[in-house]
Each structure stands twice: as C-alpha cells, then as structure tokens.
Amino acid sequence: MLAIISVILPAAIIVIAGYVAGKRVLDAAGVKALSDLVYFLFLPCLLFRSMATASFGGSDAKLLATYYGASLLWFFAVALFLKLRKSAATPAAIVFALGAVFSNTVQLGIPIIKLAFGDDGLKMHLSIIAMHTLVLLTVGTIWLELSQAHAGDDAPPLSETIGPVIKSAVLHPVILPIVAGLLWSAAALPLPGWIDQPLGFLASAAGPIMLVLMGAQLSTMRLAEHLRDAFTLSVLKNFAHPAIVALVSWAVGLPPLAMAVAVTCASLPIGNNVFMFAQRYRTQENTITAATAVSSLAAIASLTLALALVPRP
C-alpha cells in the first residue's frame, strides 16, 4: 500500500499546484489555451512517440483480445444504460462510459505492475498501453462524432455523413498521431535522435500539464455538487471494470500472469486522457475532474484488493 501511495502522492501534489494556479494565475481563457496546447501539441507527440517505438508480439494477442473485449463490453453497457435508462445525452453517456474503462496505465500503472509482477508482467502491460488510446479513444471519438453529426431533427442520413465523420475522426489530434505512429512502427523505422529528442521533451510535458489542468478545473467548481456522480463512476471504474475483466479472463482461460496483469490494469484509476476528451467536447468536465480525484484515492483500495485476489504466477 505504501508503494501505491508513493506513486499517487506526486500526482496529487501537481494537481494541488494546478488548483493554486487556477485560483491565482489561470483564468478561464488561460485554462482553455493551455488545454488546447496539450491537445494539439504535447499529447500528439506523446502518442506518436509511444506508438512509433512500440513492438507487438503474437503472444500478446490473447491478452489484448481479452482485455479490450471486456473493456469495450463494459464501455457499451455503461453508455447504453445511461442513454436508455437515465435519458442522458449521447456525448455525456460516452464520456461517462469512457471514464468507466480508461485506466491510468502509464503514470500509475507502470510502477505498480513492475513492482508486483516484474519485467515479464511489465512487458504484457506495455502491450496493453500500446493499444489503450488507439482502441478506447478511437471508439469513443467515432461514436461521439457520429452522434454530433446526427444531432437535431434536420440531420442528414447516415450515408451522407459517414464519410465526413470518419475523416474528422482520423484527422483528430488523438487518432492521427496514433495511426502515424503505428505505420512508423510497422515499417520498422528507427526514430533518429534529432526527431526523438524534441518529441521526448514535448511528450514528457503532457502528463504534468494535464494534472495541472485538472487542478485548475477543480478550483472553478463546487466539488460537493459532483461527488455523487464521482463516487458512482469510481465504483464502475475501480471495482466493476476489473471484475468484468477477471470474469472474461477466467472464461477464456487466460494464463495466470496475463490474468493478473489485466485485472490489475483494470483496477487502476481513471486516466487523465478522459479529462482531456471531456474538455475537447465540452461535456462532463466537472464530473470527470471530480471522478478522477475520487478514483485516484479509491485506487488504494482497488489495487490492494486486486493484488490480493489475482492468481499468483
């Protein structure tokens, strides 16, 4: 537990710094400008560099199919429940559902998996990371773009909008660098130092600035008004998501180490990219901000529980 706290604490300090900046330095226009800078510069550099240097092995196929099959099942279940039973707008349902499956795989996941399962477990976790944004954010982006294209009574038929929607999704500041990075990796091209070094500098800024933005967002909202939704989403992410992953892993006969890595990854708190996604589409920003804070605290319990219950390799 102390190891988990030691990883969460630095992130919490950066969020607090962002909170102070939101109170004293950043106004709404400043937060918007900083958010756009992350979304159009720092985050694309991080995504491209991650994908361009990723390697995929055939041995990871079953793990990836299991993890993302379970995660997408839970994503659609949460989104459709909100739409059909709670009458939530489609964008809000998509953002909320994304929060229920999108883990903090890098900042918190890498040190926890490394500590718990060593290099073999970390290799499996890195294969999950390589596909994480590609699978989950791409599905969320395309669905949300489709819903926006068909909003209103005078919306054109699907046959007329599917092309522009796909183009908008592919030329997206999150999707485009992922696809470009995948193509670079598939071509087995090395990243020259004069490209990799500036990409690395810009990529390293993405995580801290996203945490600063979360703190700034917290400074502008009344947290108590969003605690109910935040607690609900934290339960869906930190406890229900790993339970679904564990059930599917058991059903398909995933090996013990792969199952342990998958369930622990699902037990991680909500990733910062969900907040950026919510800001991008101007929906559920306050709920996601509050839920990310609550989920990070709940991770102390969910990760401890997962590490205690997963099969030991």
Protein backbone atom coordinates (compact mmCIF):
# COMPACT_ATOMS: atom_id res chain seq x y z
CA MET A 1 0.00 0.00 0.00
CA LEU A 2 2.86 2.38 0.76
CA ALA A 3 4.21 1.83 -2.75
CA ILE A 4 0.82 2.76 -4.23
CA ILE A 5 0.61 5.90 -2.09
CA SER A 6 4.16 6.88 -3.06
CA VAL A 7 3.11 6.84 -6.73
CA ILE A 8 -0.19 8.68 -6.22
CA LEU A 9 1.26 11.37 -3.92
CA PRO A 10 3.45 13.16 -6.53
CA ALA A 11 0.46 13.35 -8.91
CA ALA A 12 -1.67 14.77 -6.09
CA ILE A 13 0.94 17.46 -5.41
CA ILE A 14 0.87 18.54 -9.08
CA VAL A 15 -2.94 18.67 -9.01
CA ILE A 16 -2.76 20.87 -5.89
CA ALA A 17 -0.29 23.13 -7.69
CA GLY A 18 -2.77 23.37 -10.56
CA TYR A 19 -5.53 24.23 -8.08
CA VAL A 20 -3.46 27.11 -6.71
CA ALA A 21 -2.65 28.26 -10.26
CA GLY A 22 -6.36 28.16 -11.10
CA LYS A 23 -7.11 30.40 -8.13
CA ARG A 24 -4.28 32.88 -8.67
CA VAL A 25 -2.93 32.75 -12.23
CA LEU A 26 -5.13 30.94 -14.76
CA ASP A 27 -8.49 32.35 -15.75
CA ALA A 28 -10.99 30.51 -17.98
CA ALA A 29 -9.26 31.73 -21.15
CA GLY A 30 -5.88 30.61 -19.83
CA VAL A 31 -7.18 27.13 -18.98
CA LYS A 32 -8.73 26.84 -22.44
CA ALA A 33 -5.48 27.91 -24.14
CA LEU A 34 -3.40 25.50 -22.05
CA SER A 35 -5.88 22.70 -22.74
CA ASP A 36 -5.65 23.32 -26.50
CA LEU A 37 -1.84 23.35 -26.28
CA VAL A 38 -1.84 19.94 -24.62
CA TYR A 39 -4.41 18.51 -27.02
CA PHE A 40 -2.79 19.77 -30.21
CA LEU A 41 0.93 19.62 -29.33
CA PHE A 42 2.07 17.75 -26.22
CA LEU A 43 -0.40 14.84 -26.33
CA PRO A 44 0.09 14.09 -30.07
CA CYS A 45 3.85 13.98 -29.51
CA LEU A 46 3.37 11.54 -26.62
CA LEU A 47 1.02 9.31 -28.62
CA PHE A 48 3.11 9.26 -31.79
CA ARG A 49 6.33 8.52 -29.92
CA SER A 50 4.70 5.75 -27.86
CA MET A 51 3.24 4.02 -30.91
CA ALA A 52 6.31 4.52 -33.13
CA THR A 53 8.56 2.78 -30.62
CA ALA A 54 6.07 0.05 -29.66
CA SER A 55 6.55 -3.58 -30.61
CA PHE A 56 3.76 -6.14 -30.76
CA GLY A 57 4.23 -9.85 -30.32
CA GLY A 58 1.85 -12.63 -31.26
CA SER A 59 1.97 -13.93 -27.68
CA ASP A 60 0.15 -10.79 -26.55
CA ALA A 61 -2.82 -11.30 -28.88
CA LYS A 62 -4.95 -13.30 -26.43
CA LEU A 63 -4.26 -10.86 -23.58
CA LEU A 64 -5.17 -7.85 -25.74
CA ALA A 65 -8.31 -9.51 -27.14
CA THR A 66 -9.43 -10.42 -23.62
CA TYR A 67 -8.69 -7.06 -22.02
CA TYR A 68 -10.19 -4.91 -24.77
CA GLY A 69 -13.08 -7.28 -25.39
CA ALA A 70 -14.07 -7.00 -21.72
CA SER A 71 -13.41 -3.25 -21.62
CA LEU A 72 -15.47 -2.49 -24.73
CA LEU A 73 -18.28 -4.70 -23.42
CA TRP A 74 -18.35 -2.63 -20.22
CA PHE A 75 -17.98 0.66 -22.14
CA PHE A 76 -21.05 -0.02 -24.31
CA ALA A 77 -23.03 -1.41 -21.37
CA VAL A 78 -22.50 1.74 -19.29
CA ALA A 79 -23.12 4.13 -22.20
CA LEU A 80 -26.29 2.38 -23.37
CA PHE A 81 -27.63 2.12 -19.82
CA LEU A 82 -27.19 5.88 -19.34
CA LYS A 83 -28.86 6.60 -22.68
CA LEU A 84 -31.79 4.21 -22.30
CA ARG A 85 -32.47 4.27 -18.54
CA LYS A 86 -31.19 7.69 -17.47
CA SER A 87 -32.04 9.61 -20.67
CA ALA A 88 -28.52 11.02 -20.82
CA ALA A 89 -27.37 12.83 -23.95
CA THR A 90 -25.13 10.69 -26.14
CA PRO A 91 -21.95 12.79 -25.64
CA ALA A 92 -22.37 12.75 -21.86
CA ALA A 93 -23.02 8.98 -21.87
CA ILE A 94 -19.92 8.34 -23.99
CA VAL A 95 -17.63 10.46 -21.80
CA PHE A 96 -19.01 8.87 -18.61
CA ALA A 97 -18.61 5.35 -20.07
CA LEU A 98 -15.08 6.16 -21.20
CA GLY A 99 -14.29 7.08 -17.61
CA ALA A 100 -15.53 3.63 -16.56
CA VAL A 101 -12.90 1.82 -18.67
CA PHE A 102 -9.95 4.14 -19.33
CA SER A 103 -7.14 3.44 -16.85
CA ASN A 104 -4.13 5.48 -15.76
CA THR A 105 -1.89 2.87 -17.38
CA VAL A 106 1.33 4.90 -17.61
CA GLN A 107 1.82 7.21 -14.66
CA LEU A 108 0.46 4.79 -12.07
CA GLY A 109 0.25 1.52 -13.98
CA ILE A 110 3.88 1.08 -15.00
CA PRO A 111 5.42 1.34 -11.50
CA ILE A 112 2.69 -0.79 -9.88
CA ILE A 113 2.88 -3.57 -12.48
CA LYS A 114 6.69 -3.51 -12.39
CA LEU A 115 6.68 -3.75 -8.61
CA ALA A 116 4.07 -6.50 -8.48
CA PHE A 117 4.97 -8.73 -11.45
CA GLY A 118 8.50 -7.85 -12.56
CA ASP A 119 9.77 -7.49 -16.12
CA ASP A 120 7.58 -10.25 -17.56
CA GLY A 121 4.44 -8.60 -16.24
CA LEU A 122 5.64 -5.16 -17.33
CA LYS A 123 6.12 -6.40 -20.91
CA MET A 124 2.48 -7.54 -21.00
CA HIS A 125 1.35 -4.26 -19.50
CA LEU A 126 3.25 -2.29 -22.14
CA SER A 127 1.40 -4.19 -24.86
CA ILE A 128 -1.88 -3.06 -23.25
CA ILE A 129 -0.59 0.52 -23.10
CA ALA A 130 0.35 0.45 -26.78
CA MET A 131 -3.28 -0.22 -27.79
CA HIS A 132 -5.02 1.63 -24.96
CA THR A 133 -5.67 5.01 -26.53
CA LEU A 134 -5.97 3.54 -30.03
CA VAL A 135 -8.84 1.23 -29.06
CA LEU A 136 -10.78 3.15 -26.43
CA LEU A 137 -10.43 6.76 -27.57
CA THR A 138 -10.95 5.82 -31.22
CA VAL A 139 -14.23 4.05 -30.44
CA GLY A 140 -15.37 6.94 -28.23
CA THR A 141 -14.33 9.57 -30.78
CA ILE A 142 -16.07 7.94 -33.75
CA TRP A 143 -19.28 7.32 -31.79
CA LEU A 144 -19.31 10.88 -30.47
CA GLU A 145 -18.56 12.40 -33.88
CA LEU A 146 -21.39 10.34 -35.37
CA SER A 147 -23.80 11.48 -32.65
CA GLN A 148 -22.89 15.13 -33.23
CA ALA A 149 -23.28 14.77 -37.00
CA HIS A 150 -26.82 13.45 -36.47
CA ALA A 151 -27.87 15.86 -33.76
CA GLY A 152 -31.09 17.75 -34.48
CA ASP A 153 -34.24 16.99 -36.42
CA ASP A 154 -32.83 18.06 -39.79
CA ALA A 155 -29.73 15.85 -39.59
CA PRO A 156 -28.72 14.24 -42.90
CA PRO A 157 -28.91 10.46 -43.31
CA LEU A 158 -26.02 8.26 -42.20
CA SER A 159 -24.98 7.54 -45.79
CA GLU A 160 -24.22 11.23 -46.31
CA THR A 161 -22.33 11.80 -43.09
CA ILE A 162 -20.31 8.63 -42.50
CA GLY A 163 -17.51 9.83 -44.83
CA PRO A 164 -17.03 13.25 -43.19
CA VAL A 165 -17.31 11.67 -39.73
CA ILE A 166 -14.60 9.11 -40.48
CA LYS A 167 -12.41 11.86 -41.95
CA SER A 168 -12.96 14.02 -38.86
CA ALA A 169 -12.14 11.09 -36.59
CA VAL A 170 -8.98 10.09 -38.48
CA LEU A 171 -7.74 13.70 -38.71
CA HIS A 172 -8.24 14.01 -34.97
CA PRO A 173 -5.35 15.25 -32.77
CA VAL A 174 -5.52 12.00 -30.80
CA ILE A 175 -6.23 9.44 -33.54
CA LEU A 176 -3.92 10.81 -36.27
CA PRO A 177 -0.66 10.57 -34.26
CA ILE A 178 -1.61 7.05 -33.14
CA VAL A 179 -2.17 5.90 -36.72
CA ALA A 180 1.02 7.65 -37.88
CA GLY A 181 2.98 6.03 -35.05
CA LEU A 182 1.57 2.59 -35.87
CA LEU A 183 2.58 2.97 -39.51
CA TRP A 184 6.07 4.07 -38.44
CA SER A 185 6.36 1.05 -36.14
CA ALA A 186 5.05 -1.33 -38.83
CA ALA A 187 7.70 -0.03 -41.23
CA ALA A 188 10.35 -0.90 -38.60
CA LEU A 189 11.89 2.55 -38.96
CA PRO A 190 14.08 3.90 -36.15
CA LEU A 191 13.40 7.34 -34.73
CA PRO A 192 16.50 9.50 -35.42
CA GLY A 193 17.86 11.26 -32.36
CA TRP A 194 17.16 14.70 -33.79
CA ILE A 195 13.45 13.73 -34.01
CA ASP A 196 13.19 11.57 -30.91
CA GLN A 197 14.77 14.08 -28.52
CA PRO A 198 12.38 17.01 -29.16
CA LEU A 199 9.45 14.57 -29.29
CA GLY A 200 10.55 13.21 -25.91
CA PHE A 201 10.78 16.69 -24.40
CA LEU A 202 7.31 17.64 -25.64
CA ALA A 203 5.81 14.26 -24.72
CA SER A 204 7.14 14.48 -21.16
CA ALA A 205 5.20 17.70 -20.64
CA ALA A 206 1.81 16.14 -21.44
CA GLY A 207 1.24 14.27 -18.16
CA PRO A 208 2.23 17.04 -15.71
CA ILE A 209 0.30 19.73 -17.59
CA MET A 210 -2.82 17.54 -17.72
CA LEU A 211 -2.59 17.21 -13.94
CA VAL A 212 -2.18 20.99 -13.62
CA LEU A 213 -5.29 21.46 -15.77
CA MET A 214 -7.23 19.07 -13.56
CA GLY A 215 -6.27 21.11 -10.53
CA ALA A 216 -7.26 24.34 -12.30
CA GLN A 217 -10.62 22.78 -13.20
CA LEU A 218 -11.13 21.77 -9.56
CA SER A 219 -10.54 25.39 -8.50
CA THR A 220 -13.52 26.58 -10.58
CA MET A 221 -16.12 24.03 -9.47
CA ARG A 222 -18.07 23.11 -6.39
CA LEU A 223 -16.81 19.61 -5.77
CA ALA A 224 -19.68 18.65 -3.48
CA GLU A 225 -22.18 19.07 -6.34
CA HIS A 226 -20.43 16.33 -8.34
CA LEU A 227 -19.47 13.89 -5.59
CA ARG A 228 -22.40 11.53 -6.16
CA ASP A 229 -21.56 11.02 -9.84
CA ALA A 230 -17.86 10.92 -8.98
CA PHE A 231 -18.35 8.11 -6.46
CA THR A 232 -20.59 6.21 -8.90
CA LEU A 233 -18.05 6.45 -11.70
CA SER A 234 -15.22 5.48 -9.35
CA VAL A 235 -17.08 2.31 -8.36
CA LEU A 236 -17.73 1.49 -12.03
CA LYS A 237 -14.05 2.04 -12.91
CA ASN A 238 -12.09 0.83 -9.91
CA PHE A 239 -14.19 -2.19 -8.93
CA ALA A 240 -16.73 -3.18 -11.62
CA HIS A 241 -14.27 -2.88 -14.53
CA PRO A 242 -11.68 -5.26 -13.03
CA ALA A 243 -14.46 -7.67 -12.07
CA ILE A 244 -15.61 -7.80 -15.71
CA VAL A 245 -12.02 -8.25 -16.91
CA ALA A 246 -11.46 -11.03 -14.34
CA LEU A 247 -14.63 -12.85 -15.39
CA VAL A 248 -13.76 -12.72 -19.11
CA SER A 249 -10.13 -13.69 -18.39
CA TRP A 250 -11.30 -16.73 -16.44
CA ALA A 251 -13.83 -17.66 -19.15
CA VAL A 252 -11.23 -17.68 -21.94
CA GLY A 253 -8.56 -19.39 -19.84
CA LEU A 254 -6.02 -16.59 -19.77
CA PRO A 255 -2.71 -17.71 -18.19
CA PRO A 256 -2.21 -16.64 -14.54
CA LEU A 257 0.34 -13.87 -15.17
CA ALA A 258 -1.64 -12.40 -18.07
CA MET A 259 -4.84 -12.50 -15.99
CA ALA A 260 -3.09 -10.85 -13.04
CA VAL A 261 -1.75 -8.04 -15.24
CA ALA A 262 -5.11 -7.49 -16.97
CA VAL A 263 -7.11 -7.34 -13.72
CA THR A 264 -4.56 -5.08 -12.02
CA CYS A 265 -4.56 -2.76 -15.04
CA ALA A 266 -8.36 -2.54 -14.89
CA SER A 267 -8.14 -1.72 -11.16
CA LEU A 268 -6.17 1.45 -11.88
CA PRO A 269 -7.93 4.82 -11.51
CA ILE A 270 -9.34 6.92 -14.35
CA GLY A 271 -6.67 8.11 -16.78
CA ASN A 272 -6.04 11.79 -17.47
CA ASN A 273 -6.92 11.42 -21.17
CA VAL A 274 -10.60 11.13 -20.23
CA PHE A 275 -10.45 14.62 -18.76
CA MET A 276 -8.86 15.94 -21.96
CA PHE A 277 -11.53 14.14 -24.01
CA ALA A 278 -14.27 15.71 -21.88
CA GLN A 279 -12.72 19.15 -22.28
CA ARG A 280 -12.36 18.68 -26.02
CA TYR A 281 -16.10 18.04 -26.40
CA ARG A 282 -17.19 20.39 -23.60
CA THR A 283 -19.21 17.77 -21.76
CA GLN A 284 -18.97 16.28 -18.25
CA GLU A 285 -15.72 18.15 -17.48
CA ASN A 286 -16.58 18.76 -13.82
CA THR A 287 -17.86 15.23 -13.26
CA ILE A 288 -14.74 13.68 -14.81
CA THR A 289 -12.47 16.01 -12.83
CA ALA A 290 -14.13 15.08 -9.55
CA ALA A 291 -14.30 11.39 -10.50
CA THR A 292 -10.60 11.30 -11.38
CA ALA A 293 -9.72 12.69 -7.96
CA VAL A 294 -12.03 10.25 -6.14
CA SER A 295 -10.91 7.34 -8.34
CA SER A 296 -7.26 8.04 -7.58
CA LEU A 297 -7.97 7.81 -3.85
CA ALA A 298 -10.13 4.70 -4.35
CA ALA A 299 -7.22 3.07 -6.21
CA ILE A 300 -5.51 2.47 -2.88
CA ALA A 301 -8.35 0.06 -2.06
CA SER A 302 -8.97 -1.35 -5.55
CA LEU A 303 -5.31 -2.07 -6.30
CA THR A 304 -4.72 -3.59 -2.87
CA LEU A 305 -7.79 -5.81 -3.38
CA ALA A 306 -6.76 -6.79 -6.90
CA LEU A 307 -3.20 -7.66 -5.93
CA ALA A 308 -4.53 -9.75 -3.05
CA LEU A 309 -7.02 -11.72 -5.18
CA VAL A 310 -5.38 -12.18 -8.59
CA PRO A 311 -3.72 -15.57 -9.21
CA ARG A 312 -0.04 -15.51 -8.42
CA PRO A 313 2.07 -16.52 -11.43
